[in-house]
Amino acid sequence: MAGRGGGADYEDLYLRLKQENQELKKETSEQKTTLKRMYTKLAMIDQSMKRQGVGAGKGGAAGAVGAKSTATRRDRENEDALARLRAENADLKRKNARLTEKLRAEVAKNKAAARRGAGGGS
């Protein structure tokens, strides 16, 4: 009788292990499918970035559409910043020209005063 009871235990163990094995196979298959999908998305993003002339970098699941709108927004922001910097540069050049002119006037005034002082003292 002990043999029969042990056989039932082995049968239960066998069925449980068989079920676990099937679940693990299913999970492995799902993970492989997910991995293939991720590699495909990565390849698509990489190709999209190469077409746009961008080096390898971070990319999201949005793909080329998200990257393109982000690139367009960044280009616009860069153009705005460049315009501000050019305007600031022009303003600084005008200020520099005024200060240079003031400096020349002061140098000329000092030279004239030095000549008067040197000529008047002799």
Protein backbone atom coordinates (compact mmCIF):
# COMPACT_ATOMS: atom_id res chain seq x y z
CA MET A 1 0.00 0.00 0.00
CA ALA A 2 2.86 2.31 0.71
CA GLY A 3 3.93 1.88 -2.90
CA ARG A 4 0.58 2.99 -4.22
CA GLY A 5 0.48 6.09 -2.01
CA GLY A 6 3.98 7.00 -3.13
CA GLY A 7 2.96 6.59 -6.76
CA ALA A 8 0.18 9.12 -6.35
CA ASP A 9 2.64 11.57 -4.81
CA TYR A 10 4.99 11.13 -7.78
CA GLU A 11 2.09 11.58 -10.18
CA ASP A 12 1.05 14.83 -8.43
CA LEU A 13 4.67 16.02 -8.48
CA TYR A 14 4.94 15.13 -12.18
CA LEU A 15 1.74 17.00 -13.05
CA ARG A 16 2.79 20.06 -11.00
CA LEU A 17 6.25 20.15 -12.63
CA LYS A 18 4.71 19.68 -16.07
CA GLN A 19 2.37 22.63 -15.42
CA GLU A 20 5.28 24.81 -14.19
CA ASN A 21 7.28 23.82 -17.27
CA GLN A 22 4.43 24.86 -19.58
CA GLU A 23 4.05 28.19 -17.76
CA LEU A 24 7.80 28.84 -17.99
CA LYS A 25 7.79 28.01 -21.71
CA LYS A 26 4.89 30.41 -22.25
CA GLU A 27 6.62 33.17 -20.27
CA THR A 28 9.87 32.60 -22.18
CA SER A 29 8.00 32.81 -25.48
CA GLU A 30 6.31 36.07 -24.41
CA GLN A 31 9.65 37.54 -23.38
CA LYS A 32 11.23 36.55 -26.69
CA THR A 33 8.35 38.18 -28.56
CA THR A 34 8.69 41.35 -26.48
CA LEU A 35 12.44 41.39 -27.06
CA LYS A 36 11.98 41.01 -30.84
CA ARG A 37 9.46 43.87 -30.80
CA MET A 38 11.88 46.08 -28.87
CA TYR A 39 14.75 45.30 -31.26
CA THR A 40 12.47 46.16 -34.19
CA LYS A 41 11.49 49.49 -32.59
CA LEU A 42 15.14 50.25 -31.85
CA ALA A 43 16.12 49.52 -35.45
CA MET A 44 13.31 51.77 -36.73
CA ILE A 45 14.35 54.61 -34.42
CA ASP A 46 18.00 54.17 -35.36
CA GLN A 47 17.20 54.31 -39.08
CA SER A 48 14.98 57.33 -38.58
CA MET A 49 17.74 59.14 -36.71
CA LYS A 50 20.26 58.25 -39.43
CA ARG A 51 17.91 59.64 -42.08
CA GLN A 52 17.62 62.88 -40.10
CA GLY A 53 21.39 63.06 -39.69
CA VAL A 54 21.27 62.68 -35.92
CA GLY A 55 23.82 60.49 -34.14
CA ALA A 56 22.83 57.54 -32.02
CA GLY A 57 21.08 58.63 -28.88
CA LYS A 58 18.03 58.15 -26.75
CA GLY A 59 14.78 57.45 -28.49
CA GLY A 60 11.33 56.72 -27.22
CA ALA A 61 8.62 54.41 -28.43
CA ALA A 62 7.08 57.31 -30.37
CA GLY A 63 9.57 56.77 -33.20
CA ALA A 64 10.22 59.19 -36.01
CA VAL A 65 7.11 61.32 -35.46
CA GLY A 66 8.08 62.23 -31.90
CA ALA A 67 11.72 62.73 -32.86
CA LYS A 68 10.76 64.96 -35.78
CA SER A 69 8.45 67.20 -33.75
CA THR A 70 11.07 67.43 -31.00
CA ALA A 71 13.76 68.30 -33.54
CA THR A 72 11.52 70.94 -35.12
CA ARG A 73 10.76 72.46 -31.72
CA ARG A 74 14.46 72.48 -30.83
CA ASP A 75 15.33 74.08 -34.18
CA ARG A 76 12.77 76.81 -33.53
CA GLU A 77 14.10 77.36 -30.02
CA ASN A 78 17.66 77.51 -31.35
CA GLU A 79 16.67 80.01 -34.04
CA ASP A 80 14.94 82.21 -31.45
CA ALA A 81 17.98 82.06 -29.17
CA LEU A 82 20.26 82.87 -32.11
CA ALA A 83 18.13 85.89 -33.04
CA ARG A 84 18.23 87.14 -29.43
CA LEU A 85 21.99 86.69 -29.29
CA ARG A 86 22.47 88.52 -32.61
CA ALA A 87 20.35 91.43 -31.37
CA GLU A 88 22.31 91.53 -28.12
CA ASN A 89 25.57 91.40 -30.08
CA ALA A 90 24.49 94.34 -32.27
CA ASP A 91 23.51 96.32 -29.15
CA LEU A 92 26.87 95.60 -27.52
CA LYS A 93 28.70 96.65 -30.70
CA ARG A 94 26.84 99.99 -30.68
CA LYS A 95 27.72 100.52 -27.00
CA ASN A 96 31.34 99.60 -27.72
CA ALA A 97 31.50 102.11 -30.59
CA ARG A 98 30.10 104.88 -28.33
CA LEU A 99 32.59 104.05 -25.57
CA THR A 100 35.47 103.95 -28.08
CA GLU A 101 34.45 107.38 -29.35
CA LYS A 102 34.27 108.73 -25.78
CA LEU A 103 37.70 107.27 -25.07
CA ARG A 104 39.19 108.93 -28.17
CA ALA A 105 37.66 112.25 -27.13
CA GLU A 106 39.08 111.94 -23.60
CA VAL A 107 42.53 110.96 -24.91
CA ALA A 108 42.51 113.96 -27.27
CA LYS A 109 41.40 116.21 -24.42
CA ASN A 110 44.17 114.89 -22.14
CA LYS A 111 46.81 115.37 -24.87
CA ALA A 112 45.64 118.96 -25.42
CA ALA A 113 45.71 119.64 -21.67
CA ALA A 114 49.19 118.12 -21.39
CA ARG A 115 50.46 120.32 -24.22
CA ARG A 116 49.00 123.43 -22.62
CA GLY A 117 50.45 122.51 -19.25
CA ALA A 118 53.90 121.77 -20.68
CA GLY A 119 53.94 124.85 -22.91
CA GLY A 120 52.60 127.23 -20.26
CA GLY A 121 55.13 126.17 -17.59
CA SER A 122 58.29 127.04 -19.62
